Protein backbone atom coordinates (compact mmCIF):
# COMPACT_ATOMS: atom_id res chain seq x y z
CA MET A 1 19.84 -6.05 -13.38
CA SER A 2 20.23 -5.68 -9.40
CA LYS A 3 18.35 -8.69 -7.71
CA THR A 4 17.11 -8.74 -3.97
CA ASN A 5 15.05 -11.53 -2.39
CA CYS A 6 11.26 -11.45 -1.35
CA ILE A 7 10.57 -9.94 1.94
CA ASN A 8 7.30 -12.69 2.05
CA CYS A 9 9.36 -16.08 0.29
CA GLY A 10 12.75 -15.36 0.37
CA ALA A 11 12.75 -15.57 -3.62
CA ALA A 12 15.33 -14.21 -5.86
CA LYS A 13 13.88 -10.79 -7.43
CA ASP A 14 14.66 -8.13 -9.93
CA VAL A 15 14.40 -4.48 -7.98
CA ASP A 16 12.36 -3.02 -10.68
CA GLU A 17 9.84 -5.89 -10.51
CA ILE A 18 6.60 -4.80 -8.64
CA LYS A 19 5.48 -8.22 -7.71
CA CYS A 20 7.55 -11.16 -6.52
CA PRO A 21 7.77 -13.99 -9.76
CA PHE A 22 7.10 -16.88 -6.88
CA CYS A 23 4.39 -15.74 -4.38
CA GLY A 24 3.19 -12.65 -6.14
CA THR A 25 3.48 -10.59 -3.36
CA THR A 26 3.13 -6.68 -4.33
CA TYR A 27 5.56 -4.27 -3.83
CA LEU A 28 4.73 -0.81 -2.67
CA ASP A 29 7.69 1.22 -2.48
CA PHE A 30 7.89 4.56 -0.71
CA THR A 31 11.93 5.19 -1.14
CA ALA A 32 11.58 7.55 -3.66
CA ILE A 33 8.88 10.01 -2.13
CA ASP A 34 10.19 12.77 0.38
CA PHE A 35 7.54 13.27 2.42
CA SER A 36 9.09 16.35 3.79
CA SER A 37 8.80 18.16 0.46
CA ASP A 38 6.06 19.58 -1.11
CA ASN A 39 7.23 18.30 -4.45
CA PRO A 40 4.53 16.40 -5.58
CA VAL A 41 4.29 12.68 -7.13
CA VAL A 42 2.14 11.12 -9.81
CA CYS A 43 -0.56 8.70 -8.23
CA GLN A 44 -2.11 5.82 -9.93
CA PHE A 45 -4.52 3.19 -8.64
CA VAL A 46 -7.62 0.93 -10.30
CA LEU A 47 -10.78 1.81 -8.65
CA PRO A 48 -11.83 -1.03 -6.71
CA TYR A 49 -14.82 -3.04 -8.34
CA SER A 50 -14.35 -1.43 -11.80
CA LYS A 51 -15.53 -3.07 -14.60
CA PRO A 52 -14.61 -2.80 -16.86
CA ARG A 53 -10.68 -1.51 -15.58
CA THR A 54 -10.76 1.94 -14.27
CA VAL A 55 -7.22 3.77 -13.39
CA LEU A 56 -7.55 7.02 -11.59
CA SER A 57 -4.51 9.27 -12.12
CA MET A 58 -3.76 12.19 -10.07
CA LEU A 59 -0.65 14.57 -9.39
CA ALA A 60 -0.61 14.75 -5.43
CA ILE A 61 1.67 15.93 -2.63
CA PRO A 62 2.33 13.51 -0.36
CA ARG A 63 2.71 13.42 3.19
CA LEU A 64 3.06 10.57 6.03
CA ASN A 65 0.66 11.85 8.67
CA SER A 66 1.80 8.91 11.36
CA ILE A 67 3.67 5.95 11.72
CA THR A 68 2.47 3.44 15.09
CA ALA A 69 3.69 0.48 16.52
CA GLU A 70 1.51 -1.39 19.03
CA PRO A 71 1.77 -5.16 19.90
CA SER A 72 -0.87 -7.41 18.75
CA TYR A 73 -2.64 -9.75 21.14
CA TYR A 74 -5.12 -12.67 21.17
CA GLU A 75 -7.44 -14.44 24.14
CA ILE A 76 -7.12 -17.56 25.08
CA HIS A 77 -10.99 -18.04 27.09
CA GLY A 78 -11.97 -21.48 29.06
CA GLY A 79 -13.21 -22.81 31.92
CA PHE A 80 -16.56 -21.96 33.50
CA GLY A 81 -18.17 -18.89 31.23
CA ASN A 82 -15.76 -19.22 29.13
CA LYS A 83 -13.49 -16.15 30.44
CA PRO A 84 -10.27 -15.05 29.45
CA LEU A 85 -7.31 -17.08 30.88
CA ALA A 86 -4.30 -15.69 29.31
CA ARG A 87 -3.55 -12.88 26.66
CA VAL A 88 -0.45 -14.33 23.98
CA SER A 89 1.49 -11.83 21.98
CA ASN A 90 1.17 -12.99 18.09
CA GLY A 91 3.56 -9.80 16.81
CA TRP A 92 2.82 -6.35 16.12
CA ASP A 93 0.41 -3.93 14.27
CA ILE A 94 2.47 -1.66 12.45
CA ASN A 95 0.36 1.50 10.67
CA PHE A 96 1.12 3.94 8.01
CA ALA A 97 -1.48 6.95 7.51
CA VAL A 98 0.05 8.83 4.12
CA GLU A 99 -2.27 11.30 2.43
CA PHE A 100 -1.96 12.90 -0.78
CA LYS A 101 -3.64 15.99 -1.46
CA PRO A 102 -3.99 16.56 -4.75
CA VAL A 103 -2.74 19.20 -7.02
CA ALA A 104 -3.74 20.60 -10.22
CA MET A 105 -1.64 19.45 -13.31
CA ARG A 106 0.24 21.52 -15.49
CA SER A 107 -1.36 20.12 -18.65
CA ASP A 108 -5.39 21.19 -18.06
CA ASN A 109 -5.27 22.38 -14.57
CA THR A 110 -7.70 19.19 -13.36
CA LEU A 111 -7.48 17.53 -10.10
CA PHE A 112 -7.62 13.98 -11.78
CA SER A 113 -8.20 11.82 -14.50
CA VAL A 114 -9.53 8.41 -15.02
CA LYS A 115 -8.72 6.31 -17.89
CA THR A 116 -11.21 3.13 -18.54
CA GLU A 117 -9.33 0.54 -19.95
CA GLN A 118 -11.57 -1.21 -22.92
CA GLU A 119 -12.00 -5.06 -22.61
CA GLU A 120 -10.05 -7.18 -24.94
CA THR A 121 -12.42 -9.57 -27.15
């Protein structure tokens, strides 16, 4: 099995793992997706706040709409009237706009399926 290092904490992890075993950082790997093609991909995610846990699955065509990088700043205030004294860079904000356009699944011509996982007792 191939190993790599977690980009968050540096711990060794298997490339097939979706979470770092040390710090718990989740890896969302888009390297297998060809954003320039019309080939659909399977998307699955847990619906937020669902009790019991509910998973939505769909077949979708991915599109990478934009990637932007902007410097991020914070201001230091002080003096009479608490006016801005300085603006300090604290890194970059990088934003990815990814769209997943649902397409009908060949098996039953639906756009998505919802599965509720039963809680263990």
